[in-house]
Amino acid sequence: MNQRERAETFHRLHAGPPMLRLPNIWDVISARIVEQAGFPGLATSSAAVAWTLGYRDGEHISREEMAAVVARIVRHVSVPVTADMEAGYGPRPEDAAATARAVVTAGAVGMNLEDAAEGERELFDQALQVERIQAARDAAIAAGVPIVINARTDVFLKQIGEPASRVGHAVQRLNAYHEAGAGCLFAPGVKDAATIGVLAREVRGPLNVLAGAGAPSIPELERLSVRRVSLGAGVMRAALGAVRRVATELGGAGTYAALADIGLTDDINALVSGDRG
């Protein structure tokens, strides 16, 4: 498929069933492992990419460096890739548009766009975020690739307003983002089934839930009509936990039991042999 066809395929994957499952990746080998496991699309984790390059999460990495990692991943896989581009690397609509163009240039077919800048306690004004989404959408279309914008609201993560008002606030924002052209709506920070169910019913577009320990299972999320589930930086945190266990065992008991599940070098080499896109 060419890039436009990949984008159209990625749009269709949000229609379900089944629900689109995206265990987030951060480099070529993690992407190839997930692709080989049979997933129809890949999503990067901005935090995981930043950590890999020695940055803190939250736009401490530049747009250019983030896009370069995405491009390297795209060249080595044959399924659609969506890129987590944080809050778009600047507050203006022009910044979001530039980020969308970088995503298209990298070969990806989707992007996450947050409505809160790193370090800010409040969200972008809703009208401004709508303009940012529209600018990103228009820039991608002008570049010939109708990317899936996964518009994220941090109402729950940043605990905006009184608890009783958060669901209504999130629904209002996500519906406005959908009308602005977002193809998927993302509300991380919610794990209870009742709240997820309300969001899935009231948000007028495919809902993305961030899953992890304590979240409903995939069958339950599908029953609630969630269309997309992702794991964020959870996959990399699990991988780094394995590194810590190896280091702790080696520095303590001096044994190697934690290495038992490590794959063969030939298998890993085979996964990264040549471009596939």
C-alpha atoms as a PDB file:
ATOM      1  CA  MET A   1       0.000   0.000   0.000  1.00  0.00           C
ATOM      2  CA  ASN A   2       1.057   3.569  -0.538  1.00  0.00           C
ATOM      3  CA  GLN A   3       0.826   6.085   2.304  1.00  0.00           C
ATOM      4  CA  ARG A   4      -2.627   7.338   1.388  1.00  0.00           C
ATOM      5  CA  GLU A   5      -3.953   3.775   1.242  1.00  0.00           C
ATOM      6  CA  ARG A   6      -2.417   3.076   4.639  1.00  0.00           C
ATOM      7  CA  ALA A   7      -4.202   6.136   6.024  1.00  0.00           C
ATOM      8  CA  GLU A   8      -7.520   4.974   4.623  1.00  0.00           C
ATOM      9  CA  THR A   9      -6.929   1.513   6.073  1.00  0.00           C
ATOM     10  CA  PHE A  10      -6.126   3.029   9.454  1.00  0.00           C
ATOM     11  CA  HIS A  11      -9.362   5.029   9.385  1.00  0.00           C
ATOM     12  CA  ARG A  12     -11.321   1.822   8.709  1.00  0.00           C
ATOM     13  CA  LEU A  13      -9.641   0.036  11.610  1.00  0.00           C
ATOM     14  CA  HIS A  14     -11.390   2.480  13.969  1.00  0.00           C
ATOM     15  CA  ALA A  15     -14.841   1.417  12.792  1.00  0.00           C
ATOM     16  CA  GLY A  16     -14.628  -2.047  14.351  1.00  0.00           C
ATOM     17  CA  PRO A  17     -15.328  -4.715  15.173  1.00  0.00           C
ATOM     18  CA  PRO A  18     -12.919  -5.806  16.427  1.00  0.00           C
ATOM     19  CA  MET A  19     -11.616  -3.020  18.624  1.00  0.00           C
ATOM     20  CA  LEU A  20      -8.259  -1.649  17.476  1.00  0.00           C
ATOM     21  CA  ARG A  21      -5.547  -2.732  19.933  1.00  0.00           C
ATOM     22  CA  LEU A  22      -2.292  -0.765  19.940  1.00  0.00           C
ATOM     23  CA  PRO A  23       0.558  -1.839  22.263  1.00  0.00           C
ATOM     24  CA  ASN A  24       2.704   1.269  21.878  1.00  0.00           C
ATOM     25  CA  ILE A  25       6.230   0.987  20.504  1.00  0.00           C
ATOM     26  CA  TRP A  26       9.295   3.233  20.486  1.00  0.00           C
ATOM     27  CA  ASP A  27      11.923   1.886  18.090  1.00  0.00           C
ATOM     28  CA  VAL A  28      12.379  -0.485  15.168  1.00  0.00           C
ATOM     29  CA  ILE A  29      12.743  -3.708  17.129  1.00  0.00           C
ATOM     30  CA  SER A  30       9.747  -3.070  19.386  1.00  0.00           C
ATOM     31  CA  ALA A  31       7.743  -2.188  16.258  1.00  0.00           C
ATOM     32  CA  ARG A  32       8.779  -5.372  14.460  1.00  0.00           C
ATOM     33  CA  ILE A  33       7.959  -7.538  17.496  1.00  0.00           C
ATOM     34  CA  VAL A  34       4.459  -6.066  17.710  1.00  0.00           C
ATOM     35  CA  GLU A  35       3.947  -6.289  13.956  1.00  0.00           C
ATOM     36  CA  GLN A  36       5.058  -9.938  13.952  1.00  0.00           C
ATOM     37  CA  ALA A  37       2.524 -10.634  16.704  1.00  0.00           C
ATOM     38  CA  GLY A  38      -0.176  -9.842  14.153  1.00  0.00           C
ATOM     39  CA  PHE A  39      -1.342  -6.332  15.053  1.00  0.00           C
ATOM     40  CA  PRO A  40      -2.777  -4.440  12.054  1.00  0.00           C
ATOM     41  CA  GLY A  41      -1.345  -1.060  13.057  1.00  0.00           C
ATOM     42  CA  LEU A  42       1.315   0.455  15.281  1.00  0.00           C
ATOM     43  CA  ALA A  43       1.335   3.476  17.597  1.00  0.00           C
ATOM     44  CA  THR A  44       4.409   5.139  19.022  1.00  0.00           C
ATOM     45  CA  SER A  45       4.681   6.336  22.610  1.00  0.00           C
ATOM     46  CA  SER A  46       6.131   9.849  22.844  1.00  0.00           C
ATOM     47  CA  ALA A  47       7.366   9.218  26.384  1.00  0.00           C
ATOM     48  CA  ALA A  48       9.103   5.994  25.411  1.00  0.00           C
ATOM     49  CA  VAL A  49      10.762   7.583  22.377  1.00  0.00           C
ATOM     50  CA  ALA A  50      11.943  10.523  24.490  1.00  0.00           C
ATOM     51  CA  TRP A  51      13.345   8.261  27.215  1.00  0.00           C
ATOM     52  CA  THR A  52      15.212   6.193  24.635  1.00  0.00           C
ATOM     53  CA  LEU A  53      16.996   9.346  23.446  1.00  0.00           C
ATOM     54  CA  GLY A  54      17.731  10.623  26.951  1.00  0.00           C
ATOM     55  CA  TYR A  55      14.922  13.183  27.315  1.00  0.00           C
ATOM     56  CA  ARG A  56      12.193  13.591  29.882  1.00  0.00           C
ATOM     57  CA  ASP A  57       8.627  13.118  28.714  1.00  0.00           C
ATOM     58  CA  GLY A  58       6.733  16.245  27.702  1.00  0.00           C
ATOM     59  CA  GLU A  59       8.130  17.925  24.569  1.00  0.00           C
ATOM     60  CA  HIS A  60      11.703  18.024  25.831  1.00  0.00           C
ATOM     61  CA  ILE A  61      12.523  16.210  22.602  1.00  0.00           C
ATOM     62  CA  SER A  62      12.194  18.303  19.445  1.00  0.00           C
ATOM     63  CA  ARG A  63       9.612  17.783  16.730  1.00  0.00           C
ATOM     64  CA  GLU A  64      12.406  16.909  14.304  1.00  0.00           C
ATOM     65  CA  GLU A  65      13.961  14.239  16.530  1.00  0.00           C
ATOM     66  CA  MET A  66      10.577  12.682  17.273  1.00  0.00           C
ATOM     67  CA  ALA A  67       9.658  12.591  13.588  1.00  0.00           C
ATOM     68  CA  ALA A  68      13.032  11.066  12.706  1.00  0.00           C
ATOM     69  CA  VAL A  69      12.352   8.110  15.016  1.00  0.00           C
ATOM     70  CA  VAL A  70       8.882   7.700  13.518  1.00  0.00           C
ATOM     71  CA  ALA A  71      10.368   7.705  10.008  1.00  0.00           C
ATOM     72  CA  ARG A  72      12.876   5.011  10.926  1.00  0.00           C
ATOM     73  CA  ILE A  73      10.080   2.835  12.318  1.00  0.00           C
ATOM     74  CA  VAL A  74       7.877   3.350   9.254  1.00  0.00           C
ATOM     75  CA  ARG A  75      10.684   2.232   6.939  1.00  0.00           C
ATOM     76  CA  HIS A  76      10.905  -1.133   8.695  1.00  0.00           C
ATOM     77  CA  VAL A  77       7.245  -2.144   8.926  1.00  0.00           C
ATOM     78  CA  SER A  78       4.449  -2.787   6.464  1.00  0.00           C
ATOM     79  CA  VAL A  79       1.436  -1.815   8.605  1.00  0.00           C
ATOM     80  CA  PRO A  80       0.078   1.708   9.270  1.00  0.00           C
ATOM     81  CA  VAL A  81       1.902   3.730  11.938  1.00  0.00           C
ATOM     82  CA  THR A  82       0.428   6.533  14.020  1.00  0.00           C
ATOM     83  CA  ALA A  83       2.763   8.909  15.825  1.00  0.00           C
ATOM     84  CA  ASP A  84       2.357  10.344  19.307  1.00  0.00           C
ATOM     85  CA  MET A  85       3.358  13.961  18.750  1.00  0.00           C
ATOM     86  CA  GLU A  86       2.498  15.242  22.235  1.00  0.00           C
ATOM     87  CA  ALA A  87       0.850  18.688  22.159  1.00  0.00           C
ATOM     88  CA  GLY A  88       2.098  19.536  18.661  1.00  0.00           C
ATOM     89  CA  TYR A  89       5.318  21.330  19.660  1.00  0.00           C
ATOM     90  CA  GLY A  90       3.895  24.790  20.106  1.00  0.00           C
ATOM     91  CA  PRO A  91       0.566  26.380  21.061  1.00  0.00           C
ATOM     92  CA  ARG A  92      -0.380  27.956  17.731  1.00  0.00           C
ATOM     93  CA  PRO A  93      -2.410  26.371  14.948  1.00  0.00           C
ATOM     94  CA  GLU A  94       0.647  26.885  12.731  1.00  0.00           C
ATOM     95  CA  ASP A  95       2.665  24.691  15.103  1.00  0.00           C
ATOM     96  CA  ALA A  96       0.105  21.889  14.910  1.00  0.00           C
ATOM     97  CA  ALA A  97       0.114  22.182  11.116  1.00  0.00           C
ATOM     98  CA  ALA A  98       3.902  21.937  10.998  1.00  0.00           C
ATOM     99  CA  THR A  99       3.748  18.839  13.197  1.00  0.00           C
ATOM    100  CA  ALA A 100       1.159  17.223  10.911  1.00  0.00           C
ATOM    101  CA  ARG A 101       3.399  17.874   7.912  1.00  0.00           C
ATOM    102  CA  ALA A 102       6.315  16.272   9.777  1.00  0.00           C
ATOM    103  CA  VAL A 103       4.151  13.213  10.476  1.00  0.00           C
ATOM    104  CA  VAL A 104       3.247  12.884   6.786  1.00  0.00           C
ATOM    105  CA  THR A 105       6.869  13.369   5.725  1.00  0.00           C
ATOM    106  CA  ALA A 106       7.873  10.621   8.171  1.00  0.00           C
ATOM    107  CA  GLY A 107       5.469   8.250   6.443  1.00  0.00           C
ATOM    108  CA  ALA A 108       3.013   7.895   9.311  1.00  0.00           C
ATOM    109  CA  VAL A 109      -0.763   8.004   8.860  1.00  0.00           C
ATOM    110  CA  GLY A 110      -1.953   9.300  12.219  1.00  0.00           C
ATOM    111  CA  MET A 111      -0.958  11.513  15.114  1.00  0.00           C
ATOM    112  CA  ASN A 112      -1.908  12.126  18.725  1.00  0.00           C
ATOM    113  CA  LEU A 113      -2.545  15.769  19.599  1.00  0.00           C
ATOM    114  CA  GLU A 114      -2.946  16.752  23.256  1.00  0.00           C
ATOM    115  CA  ASP A 115      -4.895  19.741  24.561  1.00  0.00           C
ATOM    116  CA  ALA A 116      -2.467  20.581  27.370  1.00  0.00           C
ATOM    117  CA  ALA A 117       1.107  21.784  27.093  1.00  0.00           C
ATOM    118  CA  GLU A 118       3.714  20.211  29.353  1.00  0.00           C
ATOM    119  CA  GLY A 119       3.975  21.986  32.692  1.00  0.00           C
ATOM    120  CA  GLU A 120       0.705  23.846  32.255  1.00  0.00           C
ATOM    121  CA  ARG A 121      -1.969  23.250  34.877  1.00  0.00           C
ATOM    122  CA  GLU A 122      -4.810  24.232  32.567  1.00  0.00           C
ATOM    123  CA  LEU A 123      -5.873  23.019  29.152  1.00  0.00           C
ATOM    124  CA  PHE A 124      -5.674  25.030  25.968  1.00  0.00           C
ATOM    125  CA  ASP A 125      -8.788  27.102  25.406  1.00  0.00           C
ATOM    126  CA  GLN A 126     -11.264  24.826  23.653  1.00  0.00           C
ATOM    127  CA  ALA A 127     -11.675  27.165  20.683  1.00  0.00           C
ATOM    128  CA  LEU A 128      -7.897  27.317  20.234  1.00  0.00           C
ATOM    129  CA  GLN A 129      -7.607  23.530  20.366  1.00  0.00           C
ATOM    130  CA  VAL A 130     -10.317  23.250  17.732  1.00  0.00           C
ATOM    131  CA  GLU A 131      -8.285  25.581  15.493  1.00  0.00           C
ATOM    132  CA  ARG A 132      -5.159  23.506  16.143  1.00  0.00           C
ATOM    133  CA  ILE A 133      -6.933  20.292  15.115  1.00  0.00           C
ATOM    134  CA  GLN A 134      -8.352  21.932  12.006  1.00  0.00           C
ATOM    135  CA  ALA A 135      -4.924  23.268  11.072  1.00  0.00           C
ATOM    136  CA  ALA A 136      -3.319  19.830  11.499  1.00  0.00           C
ATOM    137  CA  ARG A 137      -6.077  18.170   9.473  1.00  0.00           C
ATOM    138  CA  ASP A 138      -5.865  20.731   6.666  1.00  0.00           C
ATOM    139  CA  ALA A 139      -2.072  20.493   6.488  1.00  0.00           C
ATOM    140  CA  ALA A 140      -2.187  16.705   6.200  1.00  0.00           C
ATOM    141  CA  ILE A 141      -4.895  16.796   3.534  1.00  0.00           C
ATOM    142  CA  ALA A 142      -2.917  19.384   1.585  1.00  0.00           C
ATOM    143  CA  ALA A 143       0.034  17.007   1.747  1.00  0.00           C
ATOM    144  CA  GLY A 144      -2.141  14.269   0.258  1.00  0.00           C
ATOM    145  CA  VAL A 145      -2.557  12.036   3.320  1.00  0.00           C
ATOM    146  CA  PRO A 146      -5.792  12.122   5.373  1.00  0.00           C
ATOM    147  CA  ILE A 147      -4.188  11.171   8.664  1.00  0.00           C
ATOM    148  CA  VAL A 148      -6.189  10.011  11.677  1.00  0.00           C
ATOM    149  CA  ILE A 149      -5.880  12.705  14.337  1.00  0.00           C
ATOM    150  CA  ASN A 150      -6.310  11.146  17.775  1.00  0.00           C
ATOM    151  CA  ALA A 151      -7.393  14.220  19.731  1.00  0.00           C
ATOM    152  CA  ARG A 152      -6.590  13.853  23.401  1.00  0.00           C
ATOM    153  CA  THR A 153      -8.068  15.718  26.332  1.00  0.00           C
ATOM    154  CA  ASP A 154      -6.282  15.785  29.674  1.00  0.00           C
ATOM    155  CA  VAL A 155      -9.387  16.636  31.725  1.00  0.00           C
ATOM    156  CA  PHE A 156      -8.911  13.469  33.771  1.00  0.00           C
ATOM    157  CA  LEU A 157      -5.111  13.306  33.841  1.00  0.00           C
ATOM    158  CA  LYS A 158      -4.791  16.885  35.080  1.00  0.00           C
ATOM    159  CA  GLN A 159      -7.929  16.620  37.232  1.00  0.00           C
ATOM    160  CA  ILE A 160      -9.479  19.726  35.730  1.00  0.00           C
ATOM    161  CA  GLY A 161     -12.416  21.093  37.737  1.00  0.00           C
ATOM    162  CA  GLU A 162     -14.535  19.271  40.278  1.00  0.00           C
ATOM    163  CA  PRO A 163     -14.699  15.471  39.883  1.00  0.00           C
ATOM    164  CA  ALA A 164     -18.430  15.548  39.164  1.00  0.00           C
ATOM    165  CA  SER A 165     -17.916  17.910  36.227  1.00  0.00           C
ATOM    166  CA  ARG A 166     -15.110  16.075  34.468  1.00  0.00           C
ATOM    167  CA  VAL A 167     -17.130  13.635  32.379  1.00  0.00           C
ATOM    168  CA  GLY A 168     -19.307  16.398  30.964  1.00  0.00           C
ATOM    169  CA  HIS A 169     -16.277  18.602  30.344  1.00  0.00           C
ATOM    170  CA  ALA A 170     -14.418  15.785  28.555  1.00  0.00           C
ATOM    171  CA  VAL A 171     -17.444  14.920  26.421  1.00  0.00           C
ATOM    172  CA  GLN A 172     -17.893  18.558  25.413  1.00  0.00           C
ATOM    173  CA  ARG A 173     -14.271  18.901  24.385  1.00  0.00           C
ATOM    174  CA  LEU A 174     -14.033  15.577  22.573  1.00  0.00           C
ATOM    175  CA  ASN A 175     -17.194  16.224  20.582  1.00  0.00           C
ATOM    176  CA  ALA A 176     -15.867  19.632  19.573  1.00  0.00           C
ATOM    177  CA  TYR A 177     -12.606  17.999  18.516  1.00  0.00           C
ATOM    178  CA  HIS A 178     -14.533  15.421  16.485  1.00  0.00           C
ATOM    179  CA  GLU A 179     -16.418  18.179  14.666  1.00  0.00           C
ATOM    180  CA  ALA A 180     -13.069  19.856  13.957  1.00  0.00           C
ATOM    181  CA  GLY A 181     -11.875  16.776  12.084  1.00  0.00           C
ATOM    182  CA  ALA A 182     -10.368  14.422  14.659  1.00  0.00           C
ATOM    183  CA  GLY A 183     -10.853  10.808  13.629  1.00  0.00           C
ATOM    184  CA  CYS A 184     -10.464   9.377  17.130  1.00  0.00           C
ATOM    185  CA  LEU A 185     -11.023  10.832  20.611  1.00  0.00           C
ATOM    186  CA  PHE A 186      -8.707  10.040  23.508  1.00  0.00           C
ATOM    187  CA  ALA A 187      -9.436  10.439  27.220  1.00  0.00           C
ATOM    188  CA  PRO A 188      -6.534   8.954  29.224  1.00  0.00           C
ATOM    189  CA  GLY A 189      -6.734   8.718  32.987  1.00  0.00           C
ATOM    190  CA  VAL A 190     -10.018   6.792  33.199  1.00  0.00           C
ATOM    191  CA  LYS A 191     -10.113   3.165  34.334  1.00  0.00           C
ATOM    192  CA  ASP A 192     -13.558   2.527  35.799  1.00  0.00           C
ATOM    193  CA  ALA A 193     -16.041   0.843  33.489  1.00  0.00           C
ATOM    194  CA  ALA A 194     -18.949   3.115  34.400  1.00  0.00           C
ATOM    195  CA  THR A 195     -17.152   6.290  33.326  1.00  0.00           C
ATOM    196  CA  ILE A 196     -15.739   4.649  30.210  1.00  0.00           C
ATOM    197  CA  GLY A 197     -19.245   3.522  29.282  1.00  0.00           C
ATOM    198  CA  VAL A 198     -20.621   7.048  29.589  1.00  0.00           C
ATOM    199  CA  LEU A 199     -17.801   8.431  27.446  1.00  0.00           C
ATOM    200  CA  ALA A 200     -18.302   5.763  24.780  1.00  0.00           C
ATOM    201  CA  ARG A 201     -22.024   6.539  24.600  1.00  0.00           C
ATOM    202  CA  GLU A 202     -21.776  10.323  24.583  1.00  0.00           C
ATOM    203  CA  VAL A 203     -18.658  10.970  22.519  1.00  0.00           C
ATOM    204  CA  ARG A 204     -19.673  11.193  18.861  1.00  0.00           C
ATOM    205  CA  GLY A 205     -16.670   9.396  17.408  1.00  0.00           C
ATOM    206  CA  PRO A 206     -14.367   6.422  18.061  1.00  0.00           C
ATOM    207  CA  LEU A 207     -13.190   6.462  21.681  1.00  0.00           C
ATOM    208  CA  ASN A 208      -9.587   5.597  22.616  1.00  0.00           C
ATOM    209  CA  VAL A 209      -8.944   4.359  26.155  1.00  0.00           C
ATOM    210  CA  LEU A 210      -5.523   4.081  27.798  1.00  0.00           C
ATOM    211  CA  ALA A 211      -5.388   0.631  29.402  1.00  0.00           C
ATOM    212  CA  GLY A 212      -3.152  -0.861  32.037  1.00  0.00           C
ATOM    213  CA  ALA A 213      -3.296  -2.519  35.418  1.00  0.00           C
ATOM    214  CA  GLY A 214      -6.748  -2.019  36.919  1.00  0.00           C
ATOM    215  CA  ALA A 215      -8.463  -1.192  33.619  1.00  0.00           C
ATOM    216  CA  PRO A 216     -11.307  -3.304  32.209  1.00  0.00           C
ATOM    217  CA  SER A 217     -10.315  -6.240  30.021  1.00  0.00           C
ATOM    218  CA  ILE A 218     -10.430  -6.083  26.237  1.00  0.00           C
ATOM    219  CA  PRO A 219     -13.755  -8.008  26.073  1.00  0.00           C
ATOM    220  CA  GLU A 220     -15.264  -5.587  28.600  1.00  0.00           C
ATOM    221  CA  LEU A 221     -13.998  -2.542  26.709  1.00  0.00           C
ATOM    222  CA  GLU A 222     -15.487  -3.956  23.516  1.00  0.00           C
ATOM    223  CA  ARG A 223     -18.802  -4.459  25.320  1.00  0.00           C
ATOM    224  CA  LEU A 224     -18.657  -0.793  26.338  1.00  0.00           C
ATOM    225  CA  SER A 225     -18.206   0.170  22.636  1.00  0.00           C
ATOM    226  CA  VAL A 226     -14.640   1.455  22.998  1.00  0.00           C
ATOM    227  CA  ARG A 227     -13.076   1.489  19.513  1.00  0.00           C
ATOM    228  CA  ARG A 228      -9.371   1.796  20.290  1.00  0.00           C
ATOM    229  CA  VAL A 229      -7.209   0.784  23.227  1.00  0.00           C
ATOM    230  CA  SER A 230      -3.572   1.729  23.706  1.00  0.00           C
ATOM    231  CA  LEU A 231      -0.979   1.092  26.397  1.00  0.00           C
ATOM    232  CA  GLY A 232       1.048   4.302  26.235  1.00  0.00           C
ATOM    233  CA  ALA A 233       4.489   4.017  27.799  1.00  0.00           C
ATOM    234  CA  GLY A 234       3.386   0.938  29.747  1.00  0.00           C
ATOM    235  CA  VAL A 235       5.072  -1.474  27.356  1.00  0.00           C
ATOM    236  CA  MET A 236       8.440   0.261  27.680  1.00  0.00           C
ATOM    237  CA  ARG A 237       8.075   0.507  31.462  1.00  0.00           C
ATOM    238  CA  ALA A 238       7.553  -3.266  31.520  1.00  0.00           C
ATOM    239  CA  ALA A 239      10.637  -3.763  29.345  1.00  0.00           C
ATOM    240  CA  LEU A 240      12.725  -1.507  31.585  1.00  0.00           C
ATOM    241  CA  GLY A 241      11.452  -3.448  34.574  1.00  0.00           C
ATOM    242  CA  ALA A 242      13.017  -6.536  33.003  1.00  0.00           C
ATOM    243  CA  VAL A 243      16.314  -4.653  32.589  1.00  0.00           C
ATOM    244  CA  ARG A 244      16.190  -3.656  36.253  1.00  0.00           C
ATOM    245  CA  ARG A 245      15.564  -7.260  37.322  1.00  0.00           C
ATOM    246  CA  VAL A 246      18.564  -8.469  35.296  1.00  0.00           C
ATOM    247  CA  ALA A 247      20.809  -5.741  36.746  1.00  0.00           C
ATOM    248  CA  THR A 248      19.616  -6.337  40.311  1.00  0.00           C
ATOM    249  CA  GLU A 249      20.185 -10.090  40.047  1.00  0.00           C
ATOM    250  CA  LEU A 250      23.609  -9.708  38.446  1.00  0.00           C
ATOM    251  CA  GLY A 251      24.748  -7.150  41.013  1.00  0.00           C
ATOM    252  CA  GLY A 252      23.311  -9.133  43.925  1.00  0.00           C
ATOM    253  CA  ALA A 253      23.251 -12.912  43.718  1.00  0.00           C
ATOM    254  CA  GLY A 254      25.421 -12.901  40.621  1.00  0.00           C
ATOM    255  CA  THR A 255      23.057 -15.249  38.800  1.00  0.00           C
ATOM    256  CA  TYR A 256      21.217 -15.007  35.473  1.00  0.00           C
ATOM    257  CA  ALA A 257      17.703 -16.378  35.939  1.00  0.00           C
ATOM    258  CA  ALA A 258      16.168 -13.118  34.700  1.00  0.00           C
ATOM    259  CA  LEU A 259      17.738 -13.758  31.275  1.00  0.00           C
ATOM    260  CA  ALA A 260      15.708 -16.937  30.741  1.00  0.00           C
ATOM    261  CA  ASP A 261      13.086 -15.331  28.472  1.00  0.00           C
ATOM    262  CA  ILE A 262      15.463 -13.413  26.244  1.00  0.00           C
ATOM    263  CA  GLY A 263      15.093 -14.376  22.567  1.00  0.00           C
ATOM    264  CA  LEU A 264      17.845 -15.674  20.328  1.00  0.00           C
ATOM    265  CA  THR A 265      20.071 -13.155  18.575  1.00  0.00           C
ATOM    266  CA  ASP A 266      19.283 -14.684  15.179  1.00  0.00           C
ATOM    267  CA  ASP A 267      15.559 -14.144  15.767  1.00  0.00           C
ATOM    268  CA  ILE A 268      16.116 -10.470  16.573  1.00  0.00           C
ATOM    269  CA  ASN A 269      18.409  -9.983  13.601  1.00  0.00           C
ATOM    270  CA  ALA A 270      15.793 -11.499  11.325  1.00  0.00           C
ATOM    271  CA  LEU A 271      13.178  -9.036  12.581  1.00  0.00           C
ATOM    272  CA  VAL A 272      15.247  -5.993  11.635  1.00  0.00           C
ATOM    273  CA  SER A 273      16.680  -7.179   8.328  1.00  0.00           C
ATOM    274  CA  GLY A 274      15.898  -4.460   5.810  1.00  0.00           C
ATOM    275  CA  ASP A 275      13.120  -1.954   5.160  1.00  0.00           C
ATOM    276  CA  ARG A 276       9.614  -3.361   4.792  1.00  0.00           C
ATOM    277  CA  GLY A 277       7.415  -0.351   4.141  1.00  0.00           C
END
